[in-house]
Amino acid sequence: YAFFGCSSLKLIDLKNVTKIGSNT
């Protein structure tokens, strides 16, 4: 749920992330 419902978010650069959690 880190970015859940961020309605204006258009871009994200994940760099070195290994796992995306549920409903992120």
PDBML (XML) file of the C-alpha atoms, coordinates in Angstrom:
<?xml version="1.0" encoding="UTF-8" ?>
<PDBx:datablock datablockName="MODEL"
   xmlns:PDBx="http://pdbml.pdb.org/schema/pdbx-v50.xsd"
   xmlns:xsi="http://www.w3.org/2001/XMLSchema-instance"
   xsi:schemaLocation="http://pdbml.pdb.org/schema/pdbx-v50.xsd pdbx-v50.xsd">
   <PDBx:atom_siteCategory>
      <PDBx:atom_site id="1">
         <PDBx:B_iso_or_equiv>0.00</PDBx:B_iso_or_equiv>
         <PDBx:Cartn_x>0.000</PDBx:Cartn_x>
         <PDBx:Cartn_y>0.000</PDBx:Cartn_y>
         <PDBx:Cartn_z>0.000</PDBx:Cartn_z>
         <PDBx:auth_asym_id>A</PDBx:auth_asym_id>
         <PDBx:auth_atom_id>CA</PDBx:auth_atom_id>
         <PDBx:auth_comp_id>TYR</PDBx:auth_comp_id>
         <PDBx:auth_seq_id>1</PDBx:auth_seq_id>
         <PDBx:group_PDB>ATOM</PDBx:group_PDB>
         <PDBx:label_alt_id xsi:nil="true" />
         <PDBx:label_asym_id>A</PDBx:label_asym_id>
         <PDBx:label_atom_id>CA</PDBx:label_atom_id>
         <PDBx:label_comp_id>TYR</PDBx:label_comp_id>
         <PDBx:label_entity_id>1</PDBx:label_entity_id>
         <PDBx:label_seq_id>1</PDBx:label_seq_id>
         <PDBx:occupancy>1.00</PDBx:occupancy>
         <PDBx:pdbx_PDB_model_num>1</PDBx:pdbx_PDB_model_num>
         <PDBx:type_symbol>C</PDBx:type_symbol>
      </PDBx:atom_site>
      <PDBx:atom_site id="2">
         <PDBx:B_iso_or_equiv>0.00</PDBx:B_iso_or_equiv>
         <PDBx:Cartn_x>3.000</PDBx:Cartn_x>
         <PDBx:Cartn_y>2.363</PDBx:Cartn_y>
         <PDBx:Cartn_z>-0.237</PDBx:Cartn_z>
         <PDBx:auth_asym_id>A</PDBx:auth_asym_id>
         <PDBx:auth_atom_id>CA</PDBx:auth_atom_id>
         <PDBx:auth_comp_id>ALA</PDBx:auth_comp_id>
         <PDBx:auth_seq_id>2</PDBx:auth_seq_id>
         <PDBx:group_PDB>ATOM</PDBx:group_PDB>
         <PDBx:label_alt_id xsi:nil="true" />
         <PDBx:label_asym_id>A</PDBx:label_asym_id>
         <PDBx:label_atom_id>CA</PDBx:label_atom_id>
         <PDBx:label_comp_id>ALA</PDBx:label_comp_id>
         <PDBx:label_entity_id>1</PDBx:label_entity_id>
         <PDBx:label_seq_id>2</PDBx:label_seq_id>
         <PDBx:occupancy>1.00</PDBx:occupancy>
         <PDBx:pdbx_PDB_model_num>1</PDBx:pdbx_PDB_model_num>
         <PDBx:type_symbol>C</PDBx:type_symbol>
      </PDBx:atom_site>
      <PDBx:atom_site id="3">
         <PDBx:B_iso_or_equiv>0.00</PDBx:B_iso_or_equiv>
         <PDBx:Cartn_x>1.566</PDBx:Cartn_x>
         <PDBx:Cartn_y>4.285</PDBx:Cartn_y>
         <PDBx:Cartn_z>-3.225</PDBx:Cartn_z>
         <PDBx:auth_asym_id>A</PDBx:auth_asym_id>
         <PDBx:auth_atom_id>CA</PDBx:auth_atom_id>
         <PDBx:auth_comp_id>PHE</PDBx:auth_comp_id>
         <PDBx:auth_seq_id>3</PDBx:auth_seq_id>
         <PDBx:group_PDB>ATOM</PDBx:group_PDB>
         <PDBx:label_alt_id xsi:nil="true" />
         <PDBx:label_asym_id>A</PDBx:label_asym_id>
         <PDBx:label_atom_id>CA</PDBx:label_atom_id>
         <PDBx:label_comp_id>PHE</PDBx:label_comp_id>
         <PDBx:label_entity_id>1</PDBx:label_entity_id>
         <PDBx:label_seq_id>3</PDBx:label_seq_id>
         <PDBx:occupancy>1.00</PDBx:occupancy>
         <PDBx:pdbx_PDB_model_num>1</PDBx:pdbx_PDB_model_num>
         <PDBx:type_symbol>C</PDBx:type_symbol>
      </PDBx:atom_site>
      <PDBx:atom_site id="4">
         <PDBx:B_iso_or_equiv>0.00</PDBx:B_iso_or_equiv>
         <PDBx:Cartn_x>-2.032</PDBx:Cartn_x>
         <PDBx:Cartn_y>3.051</PDBx:Cartn_y>
         <PDBx:Cartn_z>-3.099</PDBx:Cartn_z>
         <PDBx:auth_asym_id>A</PDBx:auth_asym_id>
         <PDBx:auth_atom_id>CA</PDBx:auth_atom_id>
         <PDBx:auth_comp_id>PHE</PDBx:auth_comp_id>
         <PDBx:auth_seq_id>4</PDBx:auth_seq_id>
         <PDBx:group_PDB>ATOM</PDBx:group_PDB>
         <PDBx:label_alt_id xsi:nil="true" />
         <PDBx:label_asym_id>A</PDBx:label_asym_id>
         <PDBx:label_atom_id>CA</PDBx:label_atom_id>
         <PDBx:label_comp_id>PHE</PDBx:label_comp_id>
         <PDBx:label_entity_id>1</PDBx:label_entity_id>
         <PDBx:label_seq_id>4</PDBx:label_seq_id>
         <PDBx:occupancy>1.00</PDBx:occupancy>
         <PDBx:pdbx_PDB_model_num>1</PDBx:pdbx_PDB_model_num>
         <PDBx:type_symbol>C</PDBx:type_symbol>
      </PDBx:atom_site>
      <PDBx:atom_site id="5">
         <PDBx:B_iso_or_equiv>0.00</PDBx:B_iso_or_equiv>
         <PDBx:Cartn_x>-4.435</PDBx:Cartn_x>
         <PDBx:Cartn_y>5.544</PDBx:Cartn_y>
         <PDBx:Cartn_z>-4.674</PDBx:Cartn_z>
         <PDBx:auth_asym_id>A</PDBx:auth_asym_id>
         <PDBx:auth_atom_id>CA</PDBx:auth_atom_id>
         <PDBx:auth_comp_id>GLY</PDBx:auth_comp_id>
         <PDBx:auth_seq_id>5</PDBx:auth_seq_id>
         <PDBx:group_PDB>ATOM</PDBx:group_PDB>
         <PDBx:label_alt_id xsi:nil="true" />
         <PDBx:label_asym_id>A</PDBx:label_asym_id>
         <PDBx:label_atom_id>CA</PDBx:label_atom_id>
         <PDBx:label_comp_id>GLY</PDBx:label_comp_id>
         <PDBx:label_entity_id>1</PDBx:label_entity_id>
         <PDBx:label_seq_id>5</PDBx:label_seq_id>
         <PDBx:occupancy>1.00</PDBx:occupancy>
         <PDBx:pdbx_PDB_model_num>1</PDBx:pdbx_PDB_model_num>
         <PDBx:type_symbol>C</PDBx:type_symbol>
      </PDBx:atom_site>
      <PDBx:atom_site id="6">
         <PDBx:B_iso_or_equiv>0.00</PDBx:B_iso_or_equiv>
         <PDBx:Cartn_x>-1.799</PDBx:Cartn_x>
         <PDBx:Cartn_y>8.171</PDBx:Cartn_y>
         <PDBx:Cartn_z>-5.575</PDBx:Cartn_z>
         <PDBx:auth_asym_id>A</PDBx:auth_asym_id>
         <PDBx:auth_atom_id>CA</PDBx:auth_atom_id>
         <PDBx:auth_comp_id>CYS</PDBx:auth_comp_id>
         <PDBx:auth_seq_id>6</PDBx:auth_seq_id>
         <PDBx:group_PDB>ATOM</PDBx:group_PDB>
         <PDBx:label_alt_id xsi:nil="true" />
         <PDBx:label_asym_id>A</PDBx:label_asym_id>
         <PDBx:label_atom_id>CA</PDBx:label_atom_id>
         <PDBx:label_comp_id>CYS</PDBx:label_comp_id>
         <PDBx:label_entity_id>1</PDBx:label_entity_id>
         <PDBx:label_seq_id>6</PDBx:label_seq_id>
         <PDBx:occupancy>1.00</PDBx:occupancy>
         <PDBx:pdbx_PDB_model_num>1</PDBx:pdbx_PDB_model_num>
         <PDBx:type_symbol>C</PDBx:type_symbol>
      </PDBx:atom_site>
      <PDBx:atom_site id="7">
         <PDBx:B_iso_or_equiv>0.00</PDBx:B_iso_or_equiv>
         <PDBx:Cartn_x>-4.062</PDBx:Cartn_x>
         <PDBx:Cartn_y>9.618</PDBx:Cartn_y>
         <PDBx:Cartn_z>-8.258</PDBx:Cartn_z>
         <PDBx:auth_asym_id>A</PDBx:auth_asym_id>
         <PDBx:auth_atom_id>CA</PDBx:auth_atom_id>
         <PDBx:auth_comp_id>SER</PDBx:auth_comp_id>
         <PDBx:auth_seq_id>7</PDBx:auth_seq_id>
         <PDBx:group_PDB>ATOM</PDBx:group_PDB>
         <PDBx:label_alt_id xsi:nil="true" />
         <PDBx:label_asym_id>A</PDBx:label_asym_id>
         <PDBx:label_atom_id>CA</PDBx:label_atom_id>
         <PDBx:label_comp_id>SER</PDBx:label_comp_id>
         <PDBx:label_entity_id>1</PDBx:label_entity_id>
         <PDBx:label_seq_id>7</PDBx:label_seq_id>
         <PDBx:occupancy>1.00</PDBx:occupancy>
         <PDBx:pdbx_PDB_model_num>1</PDBx:pdbx_PDB_model_num>
         <PDBx:type_symbol>C</PDBx:type_symbol>
      </PDBx:atom_site>
      <PDBx:atom_site id="8">
         <PDBx:B_iso_or_equiv>0.00</PDBx:B_iso_or_equiv>
         <PDBx:Cartn_x>-1.580</PDBx:Cartn_x>
         <PDBx:Cartn_y>12.117</PDBx:Cartn_y>
         <PDBx:Cartn_z>-9.768</PDBx:Cartn_z>
         <PDBx:auth_asym_id>A</PDBx:auth_asym_id>
         <PDBx:auth_atom_id>CA</PDBx:auth_atom_id>
         <PDBx:auth_comp_id>SER</PDBx:auth_comp_id>
         <PDBx:auth_seq_id>8</PDBx:auth_seq_id>
         <PDBx:group_PDB>ATOM</PDBx:group_PDB>
         <PDBx:label_alt_id xsi:nil="true" />
         <PDBx:label_asym_id>A</PDBx:label_asym_id>
         <PDBx:label_atom_id>CA</PDBx:label_atom_id>
         <PDBx:label_comp_id>SER</PDBx:label_comp_id>
         <PDBx:label_entity_id>1</PDBx:label_entity_id>
         <PDBx:label_seq_id>8</PDBx:label_seq_id>
         <PDBx:occupancy>1.00</PDBx:occupancy>
         <PDBx:pdbx_PDB_model_num>1</PDBx:pdbx_PDB_model_num>
         <PDBx:type_symbol>C</PDBx:type_symbol>
      </PDBx:atom_site>
      <PDBx:atom_site id="9">
         <PDBx:B_iso_or_equiv>0.00</PDBx:B_iso_or_equiv>
         <PDBx:Cartn_x>1.427</PDBx:Cartn_x>
         <PDBx:Cartn_y>9.795</PDBx:Cartn_y>
         <PDBx:Cartn_z>-9.900</PDBx:Cartn_z>
         <PDBx:auth_asym_id>A</PDBx:auth_asym_id>
         <PDBx:auth_atom_id>CA</PDBx:auth_atom_id>
         <PDBx:auth_comp_id>LEU</PDBx:auth_comp_id>
         <PDBx:auth_seq_id>9</PDBx:auth_seq_id>
         <PDBx:group_PDB>ATOM</PDBx:group_PDB>
         <PDBx:label_alt_id xsi:nil="true" />
         <PDBx:label_asym_id>A</PDBx:label_asym_id>
         <PDBx:label_atom_id>CA</PDBx:label_atom_id>
         <PDBx:label_comp_id>LEU</PDBx:label_comp_id>
         <PDBx:label_entity_id>1</PDBx:label_entity_id>
         <PDBx:label_seq_id>9</PDBx:label_seq_id>
         <PDBx:occupancy>1.00</PDBx:occupancy>
         <PDBx:pdbx_PDB_model_num>1</PDBx:pdbx_PDB_model_num>
         <PDBx:type_symbol>C</PDBx:type_symbol>
      </PDBx:atom_site>
      <PDBx:atom_site id="10">
         <PDBx:B_iso_or_equiv>0.00</PDBx:B_iso_or_equiv>
         <PDBx:Cartn_x>2.564</PDBx:Cartn_x>
         <PDBx:Cartn_y>9.418</PDBx:Cartn_y>
         <PDBx:Cartn_z>-13.528</PDBx:Cartn_z>
         <PDBx:auth_asym_id>A</PDBx:auth_asym_id>
         <PDBx:auth_atom_id>CA</PDBx:auth_atom_id>
         <PDBx:auth_comp_id>LYS</PDBx:auth_comp_id>
         <PDBx:auth_seq_id>10</PDBx:auth_seq_id>
         <PDBx:group_PDB>ATOM</PDBx:group_PDB>
         <PDBx:label_alt_id xsi:nil="true" />
         <PDBx:label_asym_id>A</PDBx:label_asym_id>
         <PDBx:label_atom_id>CA</PDBx:label_atom_id>
         <PDBx:label_comp_id>LYS</PDBx:label_comp_id>
         <PDBx:label_entity_id>1</PDBx:label_entity_id>
         <PDBx:label_seq_id>10</PDBx:label_seq_id>
         <PDBx:occupancy>1.00</PDBx:occupancy>
         <PDBx:pdbx_PDB_model_num>1</PDBx:pdbx_PDB_model_num>
         <PDBx:type_symbol>C</PDBx:type_symbol>
      </PDBx:atom_site>
      <PDBx:atom_site id="11">
         <PDBx:B_iso_or_equiv>0.00</PDBx:B_iso_or_equiv>
         <PDBx:Cartn_x>6.075</PDBx:Cartn_x>
         <PDBx:Cartn_y>7.950</PDBx:Cartn_y>
         <PDBx:Cartn_z>-13.324</PDBx:Cartn_z>
         <PDBx:auth_asym_id>A</PDBx:auth_asym_id>
         <PDBx:auth_atom_id>CA</PDBx:auth_atom_id>
         <PDBx:auth_comp_id>LEU</PDBx:auth_comp_id>
         <PDBx:auth_seq_id>11</PDBx:auth_seq_id>
         <PDBx:group_PDB>ATOM</PDBx:group_PDB>
         <PDBx:label_alt_id xsi:nil="true" />
         <PDBx:label_asym_id>A</PDBx:label_asym_id>
         <PDBx:label_atom_id>CA</PDBx:label_atom_id>
         <PDBx:label_comp_id>LEU</PDBx:label_comp_id>
         <PDBx:label_entity_id>1</PDBx:label_entity_id>
         <PDBx:label_seq_id>11</PDBx:label_seq_id>
         <PDBx:occupancy>1.00</PDBx:occupancy>
         <PDBx:pdbx_PDB_model_num>1</PDBx:pdbx_PDB_model_num>
         <PDBx:type_symbol>C</PDBx:type_symbol>
      </PDBx:atom_site>
      <PDBx:atom_site id="12">
         <PDBx:B_iso_or_equiv>0.00</PDBx:B_iso_or_equiv>
         <PDBx:Cartn_x>8.217</PDBx:Cartn_x>
         <PDBx:Cartn_y>5.938</PDBx:Cartn_y>
         <PDBx:Cartn_z>-10.927</PDBx:Cartn_z>
         <PDBx:auth_asym_id>A</PDBx:auth_asym_id>
         <PDBx:auth_atom_id>CA</PDBx:auth_atom_id>
         <PDBx:auth_comp_id>ILE</PDBx:auth_comp_id>
         <PDBx:auth_seq_id>12</PDBx:auth_seq_id>
         <PDBx:group_PDB>ATOM</PDBx:group_PDB>
         <PDBx:label_alt_id xsi:nil="true" />
         <PDBx:label_asym_id>A</PDBx:label_asym_id>
         <PDBx:label_atom_id>CA</PDBx:label_atom_id>
         <PDBx:label_comp_id>ILE</PDBx:label_comp_id>
         <PDBx:label_entity_id>1</PDBx:label_entity_id>
         <PDBx:label_seq_id>12</PDBx:label_seq_id>
         <PDBx:occupancy>1.00</PDBx:occupancy>
         <PDBx:pdbx_PDB_model_num>1</PDBx:pdbx_PDB_model_num>
         <PDBx:type_symbol>C</PDBx:type_symbol>
      </PDBx:atom_site>
      <PDBx:atom_site id="13">
         <PDBx:B_iso_or_equiv>0.00</PDBx:B_iso_or_equiv>
         <PDBx:Cartn_x>11.831</PDBx:Cartn_x>
         <PDBx:Cartn_y>4.828</PDBx:Cartn_y>
         <PDBx:Cartn_z>-11.291</PDBx:Cartn_z>
         <PDBx:auth_asym_id>A</PDBx:auth_asym_id>
         <PDBx:auth_atom_id>CA</PDBx:auth_atom_id>
         <PDBx:auth_comp_id>ASP</PDBx:auth_comp_id>
         <PDBx:auth_seq_id>13</PDBx:auth_seq_id>
         <PDBx:group_PDB>ATOM</PDBx:group_PDB>
         <PDBx:label_alt_id xsi:nil="true" />
         <PDBx:label_asym_id>A</PDBx:label_asym_id>
         <PDBx:label_atom_id>CA</PDBx:label_atom_id>
         <PDBx:label_comp_id>ASP</PDBx:label_comp_id>
         <PDBx:label_entity_id>1</PDBx:label_entity_id>
         <PDBx:label_seq_id>13</PDBx:label_seq_id>
         <PDBx:occupancy>1.00</PDBx:occupancy>
         <PDBx:pdbx_PDB_model_num>1</PDBx:pdbx_PDB_model_num>
         <PDBx:type_symbol>C</PDBx:type_symbol>
      </PDBx:atom_site>
      <PDBx:atom_site id="14">
         <PDBx:B_iso_or_equiv>0.00</PDBx:B_iso_or_equiv>
         <PDBx:Cartn_x>12.341</PDBx:Cartn_x>
         <PDBx:Cartn_y>1.680</PDBx:Cartn_y>
         <PDBx:Cartn_z>-9.211</PDBx:Cartn_z>
         <PDBx:auth_asym_id>A</PDBx:auth_asym_id>
         <PDBx:auth_atom_id>CA</PDBx:auth_atom_id>
         <PDBx:auth_comp_id>LEU</PDBx:auth_comp_id>
         <PDBx:auth_seq_id>14</PDBx:auth_seq_id>
         <PDBx:group_PDB>ATOM</PDBx:group_PDB>
         <PDBx:label_alt_id xsi:nil="true" />
         <PDBx:label_asym_id>A</PDBx:label_asym_id>
         <PDBx:label_atom_id>CA</PDBx:label_atom_id>
         <PDBx:label_comp_id>LEU</PDBx:label_comp_id>
         <PDBx:label_entity_id>1</PDBx:label_entity_id>
         <PDBx:label_seq_id>14</PDBx:label_seq_id>
         <PDBx:occupancy>1.00</PDBx:occupancy>
         <PDBx:pdbx_PDB_model_num>1</PDBx:pdbx_PDB_model_num>
         <PDBx:type_symbol>C</PDBx:type_symbol>
      </PDBx:atom_site>
      <PDBx:atom_site id="15">
         <PDBx:B_iso_or_equiv>0.00</PDBx:B_iso_or_equiv>
         <PDBx:Cartn_x>16.170</PDBx:Cartn_x>
         <PDBx:Cartn_y>1.700</PDBx:Cartn_y>
         <PDBx:Cartn_z>-9.409</PDBx:Cartn_z>
         <PDBx:auth_asym_id>A</PDBx:auth_asym_id>
         <PDBx:auth_atom_id>CA</PDBx:auth_atom_id>
         <PDBx:auth_comp_id>LYS</PDBx:auth_comp_id>
         <PDBx:auth_seq_id>15</PDBx:auth_seq_id>
         <PDBx:group_PDB>ATOM</PDBx:group_PDB>
         <PDBx:label_alt_id xsi:nil="true" />
         <PDBx:label_asym_id>A</PDBx:label_asym_id>
         <PDBx:label_atom_id>CA</PDBx:label_atom_id>
         <PDBx:label_comp_id>LYS</PDBx:label_comp_id>
         <PDBx:label_entity_id>1</PDBx:label_entity_id>
         <PDBx:label_seq_id>15</PDBx:label_seq_id>
         <PDBx:occupancy>1.00</PDBx:occupancy>
         <PDBx:pdbx_PDB_model_num>1</PDBx:pdbx_PDB_model_num>
         <PDBx:type_symbol>C</PDBx:type_symbol>
      </PDBx:atom_site>
      <PDBx:atom_site id="16">
         <PDBx:B_iso_or_equiv>0.00</PDBx:B_iso_or_equiv>
         <PDBx:Cartn_x>17.259</PDBx:Cartn_x>
         <PDBx:Cartn_y>-1.430</PDBx:Cartn_y>
         <PDBx:Cartn_z>-7.442</PDBx:Cartn_z>
         <PDBx:auth_asym_id>A</PDBx:auth_asym_id>
         <PDBx:auth_atom_id>CA</PDBx:auth_atom_id>
         <PDBx:auth_comp_id>ASN</PDBx:auth_comp_id>
         <PDBx:auth_seq_id>16</PDBx:auth_seq_id>
         <PDBx:group_PDB>ATOM</PDBx:group_PDB>
         <PDBx:label_alt_id xsi:nil="true" />
         <PDBx:label_asym_id>A</PDBx:label_asym_id>
         <PDBx:label_atom_id>CA</PDBx:label_atom_id>
         <PDBx:label_comp_id>ASN</PDBx:label_comp_id>
         <PDBx:label_entity_id>1</PDBx:label_entity_id>
         <PDBx:label_seq_id>16</PDBx:label_seq_id>
         <PDBx:occupancy>1.00</PDBx:occupancy>
         <PDBx:pdbx_PDB_model_num>1</PDBx:pdbx_PDB_model_num>
         <PDBx:type_symbol>C</PDBx:type_symbol>
      </PDBx:atom_site>
      <PDBx:atom_site id="17">
         <PDBx:B_iso_or_equiv>0.00</PDBx:B_iso_or_equiv>
         <PDBx:Cartn_x>13.998</PDBx:Cartn_x>
         <PDBx:Cartn_y>-2.655</PDBx:Cartn_y>
         <PDBx:Cartn_z>-5.867</PDBx:Cartn_z>
         <PDBx:auth_asym_id>A</PDBx:auth_asym_id>
         <PDBx:auth_atom_id>CA</PDBx:auth_atom_id>
         <PDBx:auth_comp_id>VAL</PDBx:auth_comp_id>
         <PDBx:auth_seq_id>17</PDBx:auth_seq_id>
         <PDBx:group_PDB>ATOM</PDBx:group_PDB>
         <PDBx:label_alt_id xsi:nil="true" />
         <PDBx:label_asym_id>A</PDBx:label_asym_id>
         <PDBx:label_atom_id>CA</PDBx:label_atom_id>
         <PDBx:label_comp_id>VAL</PDBx:label_comp_id>
         <PDBx:label_entity_id>1</PDBx:label_entity_id>
         <PDBx:label_seq_id>17</PDBx:label_seq_id>
         <PDBx:occupancy>1.00</PDBx:occupancy>
         <PDBx:pdbx_PDB_model_num>1</PDBx:pdbx_PDB_model_num>
         <PDBx:type_symbol>C</PDBx:type_symbol>
      </PDBx:atom_site>
      <PDBx:atom_site id="18">
         <PDBx:B_iso_or_equiv>0.00</PDBx:B_iso_or_equiv>
         <PDBx:Cartn_x>13.799</PDBx:Cartn_x>
         <PDBx:Cartn_y>-6.459</PDBx:Cartn_y>
         <PDBx:Cartn_z>-5.527</PDBx:Cartn_z>
         <PDBx:auth_asym_id>A</PDBx:auth_asym_id>
         <PDBx:auth_atom_id>CA</PDBx:auth_atom_id>
         <PDBx:auth_comp_id>THR</PDBx:auth_comp_id>
         <PDBx:auth_seq_id>18</PDBx:auth_seq_id>
         <PDBx:group_PDB>ATOM</PDBx:group_PDB>
         <PDBx:label_alt_id xsi:nil="true" />
         <PDBx:label_asym_id>A</PDBx:label_asym_id>
         <PDBx:label_atom_id>CA</PDBx:label_atom_id>
         <PDBx:label_comp_id>THR</PDBx:label_comp_id>
         <PDBx:label_entity_id>1</PDBx:label_entity_id>
         <PDBx:label_seq_id>18</PDBx:label_seq_id>
         <PDBx:occupancy>1.00</PDBx:occupancy>
         <PDBx:pdbx_PDB_model_num>1</PDBx:pdbx_PDB_model_num>
         <PDBx:type_symbol>C</PDBx:type_symbol>
      </PDBx:atom_site>
      <PDBx:atom_site id="19">
         <PDBx:B_iso_or_equiv>0.00</PDBx:B_iso_or_equiv>
         <PDBx:Cartn_x>10.138</PDBx:Cartn_x>
         <PDBx:Cartn_y>-6.865</PDBx:Cartn_y>
         <PDBx:Cartn_z>-4.548</PDBx:Cartn_z>
         <PDBx:auth_asym_id>A</PDBx:auth_asym_id>
         <PDBx:auth_atom_id>CA</PDBx:auth_atom_id>
         <PDBx:auth_comp_id>LYS</PDBx:auth_comp_id>
         <PDBx:auth_seq_id>19</PDBx:auth_seq_id>
         <PDBx:group_PDB>ATOM</PDBx:group_PDB>
         <PDBx:label_alt_id xsi:nil="true" />
         <PDBx:label_asym_id>A</PDBx:label_asym_id>
         <PDBx:label_atom_id>CA</PDBx:label_atom_id>
         <PDBx:label_comp_id>LYS</PDBx:label_comp_id>
         <PDBx:label_entity_id>1</PDBx:label_entity_id>
         <PDBx:label_seq_id>19</PDBx:label_seq_id>
         <PDBx:occupancy>1.00</PDBx:occupancy>
         <PDBx:pdbx_PDB_model_num>1</PDBx:pdbx_PDB_model_num>
         <PDBx:type_symbol>C</PDBx:type_symbol>
      </PDBx:atom_site>
      <PDBx:atom_site id="20">
         <PDBx:B_iso_or_equiv>0.00</PDBx:B_iso_or_equiv>
         <PDBx:Cartn_x>6.907</PDBx:Cartn_x>
         <PDBx:Cartn_y>-4.900</PDBx:Cartn_y>
         <PDBx:Cartn_z>-4.992</PDBx:Cartn_z>
         <PDBx:auth_asym_id>A</PDBx:auth_asym_id>
         <PDBx:auth_atom_id>CA</PDBx:auth_atom_id>
         <PDBx:auth_comp_id>ILE</PDBx:auth_comp_id>
         <PDBx:auth_seq_id>20</PDBx:auth_seq_id>
         <PDBx:group_PDB>ATOM</PDBx:group_PDB>
         <PDBx:label_alt_id xsi:nil="true" />
         <PDBx:label_asym_id>A</PDBx:label_asym_id>
         <PDBx:label_atom_id>CA</PDBx:label_atom_id>
         <PDBx:label_comp_id>ILE</PDBx:label_comp_id>
         <PDBx:label_entity_id>1</PDBx:label_entity_id>
         <PDBx:label_seq_id>20</PDBx:label_seq_id>
         <PDBx:occupancy>1.00</PDBx:occupancy>
         <PDBx:pdbx_PDB_model_num>1</PDBx:pdbx_PDB_model_num>
         <PDBx:type_symbol>C</PDBx:type_symbol>
      </PDBx:atom_site>
      <PDBx:atom_site id="21">
         <PDBx:B_iso_or_equiv>0.00</PDBx:B_iso_or_equiv>
         <PDBx:Cartn_x>4.501</PDBx:Cartn_x>
         <PDBx:Cartn_y>-5.578</PDBx:Cartn_y>
         <PDBx:Cartn_z>-2.112</PDBx:Cartn_z>
         <PDBx:auth_asym_id>A</PDBx:auth_asym_id>
         <PDBx:auth_atom_id>CA</PDBx:auth_atom_id>
         <PDBx:auth_comp_id>GLY</PDBx:auth_comp_id>
         <PDBx:auth_seq_id>21</PDBx:auth_seq_id>
         <PDBx:group_PDB>ATOM</PDBx:group_PDB>
         <PDBx:label_alt_id xsi:nil="true" />
         <PDBx:label_asym_id>A</PDBx:label_asym_id>
         <PDBx:label_atom_id>CA</PDBx:label_atom_id>
         <PDBx:label_comp_id>GLY</PDBx:label_comp_id>
         <PDBx:label_entity_id>1</PDBx:label_entity_id>
         <PDBx:label_seq_id>21</PDBx:label_seq_id>
         <PDBx:occupancy>1.00</PDBx:occupancy>
         <PDBx:pdbx_PDB_model_num>1</PDBx:pdbx_PDB_model_num>
         <PDBx:type_symbol>C</PDBx:type_symbol>
      </PDBx:atom_site>
      <PDBx:atom_site id="22">
         <PDBx:B_iso_or_equiv>0.00</PDBx:B_iso_or_equiv>
         <PDBx:Cartn_x>0.756</PDBx:Cartn_x>
         <PDBx:Cartn_y>-6.150</PDBx:Cartn_y>
         <PDBx:Cartn_z>-2.288</PDBx:Cartn_z>
         <PDBx:auth_asym_id>A</PDBx:auth_asym_id>
         <PDBx:auth_atom_id>CA</PDBx:auth_atom_id>
         <PDBx:auth_comp_id>SER</PDBx:auth_comp_id>
         <PDBx:auth_seq_id>22</PDBx:auth_seq_id>
         <PDBx:group_PDB>ATOM</PDBx:group_PDB>
         <PDBx:label_alt_id xsi:nil="true" />
         <PDBx:label_asym_id>A</PDBx:label_asym_id>
         <PDBx:label_atom_id>CA</PDBx:label_atom_id>
         <PDBx:label_comp_id>SER</PDBx:label_comp_id>
         <PDBx:label_entity_id>1</PDBx:label_entity_id>
         <PDBx:label_seq_id>22</PDBx:label_seq_id>
         <PDBx:occupancy>1.00</PDBx:occupancy>
         <PDBx:pdbx_PDB_model_num>1</PDBx:pdbx_PDB_model_num>
         <PDBx:type_symbol>C</PDBx:type_symbol>
      </PDBx:atom_site>
      <PDBx:atom_site id="23">
         <PDBx:B_iso_or_equiv>0.00</PDBx:B_iso_or_equiv>
         <PDBx:Cartn_x>-1.334</PDBx:Cartn_x>
         <PDBx:Cartn_y>-3.204</PDBx:Cartn_y>
         <PDBx:Cartn_z>-3.512</PDBx:Cartn_z>
         <PDBx:auth_asym_id>A</PDBx:auth_asym_id>
         <PDBx:auth_atom_id>CA</PDBx:auth_atom_id>
         <PDBx:auth_comp_id>ASN</PDBx:auth_comp_id>
         <PDBx:auth_seq_id>23</PDBx:auth_seq_id>
         <PDBx:group_PDB>ATOM</PDBx:group_PDB>
         <PDBx:label_alt_id xsi:nil="true" />
         <PDBx:label_asym_id>A</PDBx:label_asym_id>
         <PDBx:label_atom_id>CA</PDBx:label_atom_id>
         <PDBx:label_comp_id>ASN</PDBx:label_comp_id>
         <PDBx:label_entity_id>1</PDBx:label_entity_id>
         <PDBx:label_seq_id>23</PDBx:label_seq_id>
         <PDBx:occupancy>1.00</PDBx:occupancy>
         <PDBx:pdbx_PDB_model_num>1</PDBx:pdbx_PDB_model_num>
         <PDBx:type_symbol>C</PDBx:type_symbol>
      </PDBx:atom_site>
      <PDBx:atom_site id="24">
         <PDBx:B_iso_or_equiv>0.00</PDBx:B_iso_or_equiv>
         <PDBx:Cartn_x>1.796</PDBx:Cartn_x>
         <PDBx:Cartn_y>-1.034</PDBx:Cartn_y>
         <PDBx:Cartn_z>-3.740</PDBx:Cartn_z>
         <PDBx:auth_asym_id>A</PDBx:auth_asym_id>
         <PDBx:auth_atom_id>CA</PDBx:auth_atom_id>
         <PDBx:auth_comp_id>THR</PDBx:auth_comp_id>
         <PDBx:auth_seq_id>24</PDBx:auth_seq_id>
         <PDBx:group_PDB>ATOM</PDBx:group_PDB>
         <PDBx:label_alt_id xsi:nil="true" />
         <PDBx:label_asym_id>A</PDBx:label_asym_id>
         <PDBx:label_atom_id>CA</PDBx:label_atom_id>
         <PDBx:label_comp_id>THR</PDBx:label_comp_id>
         <PDBx:label_entity_id>1</PDBx:label_entity_id>
         <PDBx:label_seq_id>24</PDBx:label_seq_id>
         <PDBx:occupancy>1.00</PDBx:occupancy>
         <PDBx:pdbx_PDB_model_num>1</PDBx:pdbx_PDB_model_num>
         <PDBx:type_symbol>C</PDBx:type_symbol>
      </PDBx:atom_site>
   </PDBx:atom_siteCategory>
</PDBx:datablock>
